[in-house]
Amino acid sequence: MKNAGIKIKRNIERNIPNVNITNNNVAMGQFVFRAMLSTFALLAVLYFLILGSMVFNIVQRKNLEKNELMLSSQVSNLELSYLSVSNSVDVALSSSMGFKAIPVNYATRKSLGYNVTSASFGSLKENNEI
């Protein structure tokens, strides 16, 4: 049996000398395995990068919230001090600081030259064509 296989192989090599019969499936299987392994490694690295970015953003947000709370407290304290100071301002304090009372002058508009009365409306209605 072994001799028959050898004779068939020799006949094939004589008749078709340029044909090389190899098993490419083994090399292809290794290639696919390595490709899948490298893809898995790349996805794992991307996962950890995204996860790290999310954790960093959460920590940063909590720090900003603490900072916002502190600034809000400072603003409320400043508002309270402003209100207490503004309630203490009066004419006596302003005069002690050198401010003087100025008489009030109001701006008035001069009349247009005629008075608008109900009688003049009647004459306007007569001239109006609408």
C-alpha atoms as a PDB file:
ATOM      1  CA  MET A   1       0.000   0.000   0.000  1.00  0.00           C
ATOM      2  CA  LYS A   2       2.783   2.354   0.873  1.00  0.00           C
ATOM      3  CA  ASN A   3       4.495   1.618  -2.426  1.00  0.00           C
ATOM      4  CA  ALA A   4       1.337   2.417  -4.356  1.00  0.00           C
ATOM      5  CA  GLY A   5       1.108   5.812  -2.704  1.00  0.00           C
ATOM      6  CA  ILE A   6       4.714   6.560  -3.573  1.00  0.00           C
ATOM      7  CA  LYS A   7       4.158   5.529  -7.226  1.00  0.00           C
ATOM      8  CA  ILE A   8       1.107   7.821  -7.484  1.00  0.00           C
ATOM      9  CA  LYS A   9       3.059  10.688  -6.012  1.00  0.00           C
ATOM     10  CA  ARG A  10       5.929  10.155  -8.501  1.00  0.00           C
ATOM     11  CA  ASN A  11       3.511  10.012 -11.439  1.00  0.00           C
ATOM     12  CA  ILE A  12       1.909  13.277 -10.320  1.00  0.00           C
ATOM     13  CA  GLU A  13       5.322  14.924  -9.963  1.00  0.00           C
ATOM     14  CA  ARG A  14       6.379  13.750 -13.460  1.00  0.00           C
ATOM     15  CA  ASN A  15       3.171  14.830 -15.137  1.00  0.00           C
ATOM     16  CA  ILE A  16       2.749  18.134 -13.255  1.00  0.00           C
ATOM     17  CA  PRO A  17       6.210  19.279 -12.140  1.00  0.00           C
ATOM     18  CA  ASN A  18       5.239  22.854 -11.040  1.00  0.00           C
ATOM     19  CA  VAL A  19       2.479  21.880  -8.629  1.00  0.00           C
ATOM     20  CA  ASN A  20       3.398  22.005  -4.952  1.00  0.00           C
ATOM     21  CA  ILE A  21       0.804  20.499  -2.667  1.00  0.00           C
ATOM     22  CA  THR A  22       0.911  22.108   0.766  1.00  0.00           C
ATOM     23  CA  ASN A  23      -1.498  22.452   3.596  1.00  0.00           C
ATOM     24  CA  ASN A  24      -2.202  26.194   3.823  1.00  0.00           C
ATOM     25  CA  ASN A  25      -4.981  25.752   6.379  1.00  0.00           C
ATOM     26  CA  VAL A  26      -2.520  25.506   9.269  1.00  0.00           C
ATOM     27  CA  ALA A  27      -0.893  28.842   8.423  1.00  0.00           C
ATOM     28  CA  MET A  28      -4.303  30.429   7.853  1.00  0.00           C
ATOM     29  CA  GLY A  29      -5.541  29.211  11.234  1.00  0.00           C
ATOM     30  CA  GLN A  30      -2.556  30.746  12.991  1.00  0.00           C
ATOM     31  CA  PHE A  31      -3.088  34.007  11.111  1.00  0.00           C
ATOM     32  CA  VAL A  32      -6.770  34.154  12.090  1.00  0.00           C
ATOM     33  CA  PHE A  33      -5.918  33.327  15.720  1.00  0.00           C
ATOM     34  CA  ARG A  34      -3.275  36.057  15.879  1.00  0.00           C
ATOM     35  CA  ALA A  35      -5.607  38.568  14.202  1.00  0.00           C
ATOM     36  CA  MET A  36      -8.369  37.805  16.705  1.00  0.00           C
ATOM     37  CA  LEU A  37      -5.936  37.987  19.622  1.00  0.00           C
ATOM     38  CA  SER A  38      -4.531  41.345  18.482  1.00  0.00           C
ATOM     39  CA  THR A  39      -8.062  42.707  17.918  1.00  0.00           C
ATOM     40  CA  PHE A  40      -9.045  41.599  21.423  1.00  0.00           C
ATOM     41  CA  ALA A  41      -5.937  43.265  22.874  1.00  0.00           C
ATOM     42  CA  LEU A  42      -6.690  46.498  20.978  1.00  0.00           C
ATOM     43  CA  LEU A  43     -10.295  46.507  22.196  1.00  0.00           C
ATOM     44  CA  ALA A  44      -9.148  45.868  25.781  1.00  0.00           C
ATOM     45  CA  VAL A  45      -6.745  48.821  25.614  1.00  0.00           C
ATOM     46  CA  LEU A  46      -9.484  51.067  24.186  1.00  0.00           C
ATOM     47  CA  TYR A  47     -11.883  49.889  26.913  1.00  0.00           C
ATOM     48  CA  PHE A  48      -9.446  50.796  29.671  1.00  0.00           C
ATOM     49  CA  LEU A  49      -8.708  54.175  28.066  1.00  0.00           C
ATOM     50  CA  ILE A  50     -12.398  55.037  27.858  1.00  0.00           C
ATOM     51  CA  LEU A  51     -13.030  53.757  31.395  1.00  0.00           C
ATOM     52  CA  GLY A  52     -10.113  55.808  32.731  1.00  0.00           C
ATOM     53  CA  SER A  53     -11.405  58.901  30.943  1.00  0.00           C
ATOM     54  CA  MET A  54     -14.848  58.423  32.487  1.00  0.00           C
ATOM     55  CA  VAL A  55     -13.429  58.038  35.999  1.00  0.00           C
ATOM     56  CA  PHE A  56     -11.248  61.119  35.505  1.00  0.00           C
ATOM     57  CA  ASN A  57     -14.263  63.155  34.333  1.00  0.00           C
ATOM     58  CA  ILE A  58     -16.353  62.024  37.317  1.00  0.00           C
ATOM     59  CA  VAL A  59     -13.627  63.043  39.779  1.00  0.00           C
ATOM     60  CA  GLN A  60     -13.195  66.374  37.973  1.00  0.00           C
ATOM     61  CA  ARG A  61     -16.960  67.021  38.119  1.00  0.00           C
ATOM     62  CA  LYS A  62     -17.061  66.342  41.872  1.00  0.00           C
ATOM     63  CA  ASN A  63     -14.182  68.757  42.424  1.00  0.00           C
ATOM     64  CA  LEU A  64     -15.974  71.403  40.355  1.00  0.00           C
ATOM     65  CA  GLU A  65     -19.166  70.890  42.361  1.00  0.00           C
ATOM     66  CA  LYS A  66     -17.243  71.429  45.612  1.00  0.00           C
ATOM     67  CA  ASN A  67     -15.658  74.566  44.147  1.00  0.00           C
ATOM     68  CA  GLU A  68     -19.082  75.819  43.009  1.00  0.00           C
ATOM     69  CA  LEU A  69     -20.506  75.273  46.490  1.00  0.00           C
ATOM     70  CA  MET A  70     -17.629  77.241  48.046  1.00  0.00           C
ATOM     71  CA  LEU A  71     -18.044  80.106  45.560  1.00  0.00           C
ATOM     72  CA  SER A  72     -21.798  80.171  46.124  1.00  0.00           C
ATOM     73  CA  SER A  73     -21.195  80.481  49.861  1.00  0.00           C
ATOM     74  CA  GLN A  74     -18.762  83.355  49.298  1.00  0.00           C
ATOM     75  CA  VAL A  75     -21.266  85.139  47.035  1.00  0.00           C
ATOM     76  CA  SER A  76     -24.029  84.836  49.650  1.00  0.00           C
ATOM     77  CA  ASN A  77     -21.697  86.245  52.316  1.00  0.00           C
ATOM     78  CA  LEU A  78     -20.819  89.177  50.050  1.00  0.00           C
ATOM     79  CA  GLU A  79     -24.505  89.812  49.340  1.00  0.00           C
ATOM     80  CA  LEU A  80     -25.242  89.826  53.068  1.00  0.00           C
ATOM     81  CA  SER A  81     -22.444  92.319  53.756  1.00  0.00           C
ATOM     82  CA  TYR A  82     -23.666  94.490  50.836  1.00  0.00           C
ATOM     83  CA  LEU A  83     -27.195  94.568  52.238  1.00  0.00           C
ATOM     84  CA  SER A  84     -25.977  95.469  55.719  1.00  0.00           C
ATOM     85  CA  VAL A  85     -23.811  98.286  54.353  1.00  0.00           C
ATOM     86  CA  SER A  86     -26.524  99.585  52.003  1.00  0.00           C
ATOM     87  CA  ASN A  87     -29.038  99.751  54.878  1.00  0.00           C
ATOM     88  CA  SER A  88     -26.661 101.897  56.896  1.00  0.00           C
ATOM     89  CA  VAL A  89     -26.322 104.541  54.151  1.00  0.00           C
ATOM     90  CA  ASP A  90     -28.400 107.677  54.849  1.00  0.00           C
ATOM     91  CA  VAL A  91     -28.240 111.450  54.391  1.00  0.00           C
ATOM     92  CA  ALA A  92     -26.131 111.976  57.536  1.00  0.00           C
ATOM     93  CA  LEU A  93     -23.494 109.475  56.393  1.00  0.00           C
ATOM     94  CA  SER A  94     -23.331 110.968  52.899  1.00  0.00           C
ATOM     95  CA  SER A  95     -22.938 114.522  54.256  1.00  0.00           C
ATOM     96  CA  SER A  96     -20.171 113.334  56.601  1.00  0.00           C
ATOM     97  CA  MET A  97     -18.381 111.888  53.572  1.00  0.00           C
ATOM     98  CA  GLY A  98     -18.586 115.206  51.709  1.00  0.00           C
ATOM     99  CA  PHE A  99     -21.609 114.703  49.492  1.00  0.00           C
ATOM    100  CA  LYS A 100     -24.001 117.627  49.142  1.00  0.00           C
ATOM    101  CA  ALA A 101     -27.701 117.697  48.382  1.00  0.00           C
ATOM    102  CA  ILE A 102     -28.445 119.122  44.949  1.00  0.00           C
ATOM    103  CA  PRO A 103     -31.802 120.676  44.103  1.00  0.00           C
ATOM    104  CA  VAL A 104     -33.836 118.616  41.705  1.00  0.00           C
ATOM    105  CA  ASN A 105     -34.520 120.048  38.247  1.00  0.00           C
ATOM    106  CA  TYR A 106     -37.044 118.242  36.112  1.00  0.00           C
ATOM    107  CA  ALA A 107     -36.964 118.323  32.352  1.00  0.00           C
ATOM    108  CA  THR A 108     -40.239 119.543  30.853  1.00  0.00           C
ATOM    109  CA  ARG A 109     -41.416 119.562  27.309  1.00  0.00           C
ATOM    110  CA  LYS A 110     -42.797 122.699  25.729  1.00  0.00           C
ATOM    111  CA  SER A 111     -46.247 122.483  24.255  1.00  0.00           C
ATOM    112  CA  LEU A 112     -46.623 121.933  20.532  1.00  0.00           C
ATOM    113  CA  GLY A 113     -48.601 125.113  20.048  1.00  0.00           C
ATOM    114  CA  TYR A 114     -52.193 123.881  20.171  1.00  0.00           C
ATOM    115  CA  ASN A 115     -54.325 122.191  22.747  1.00  0.00           C
ATOM    116  CA  VAL A 116     -55.980 118.925  22.003  1.00  0.00           C
ATOM    117  CA  THR A 117     -59.591 119.012  23.109  1.00  0.00           C
ATOM    118  CA  SER A 118     -62.765 117.242  22.182  1.00  0.00           C
ATOM    119  CA  ALA A 119     -63.723 120.173  19.927  1.00  0.00           C
ATOM    120  CA  SER A 120     -60.542 119.857  17.931  1.00  0.00           C
ATOM    121  CA  PHE A 121     -61.139 116.122  17.561  1.00  0.00           C
ATOM    122  CA  GLY A 122     -64.434 116.884  15.966  1.00  0.00           C
ATOM    123  CA  SER A 123     -62.790 119.086  13.361  1.00  0.00           C
ATOM    124  CA  LEU A 124     -60.203 116.394  12.702  1.00  0.00           C
ATOM    125  CA  LYS A 125     -62.958 113.853  12.088  1.00  0.00           C
ATOM    126  CA  GLU A 126     -64.581 116.051   9.492  1.00  0.00           C
ATOM    127  CA  ASN A 127     -61.315 116.399   7.519  1.00  0.00           C
ATOM    128  CA  ASN A 128     -60.557 112.705   7.709  1.00  0.00           C
ATOM    129  CA  GLU A 129     -61.642 110.836   4.603  1.00  0.00           C
ATOM    130  CA  ILE A 130     -61.393 107.419   6.113  1.00  0.00           C
END
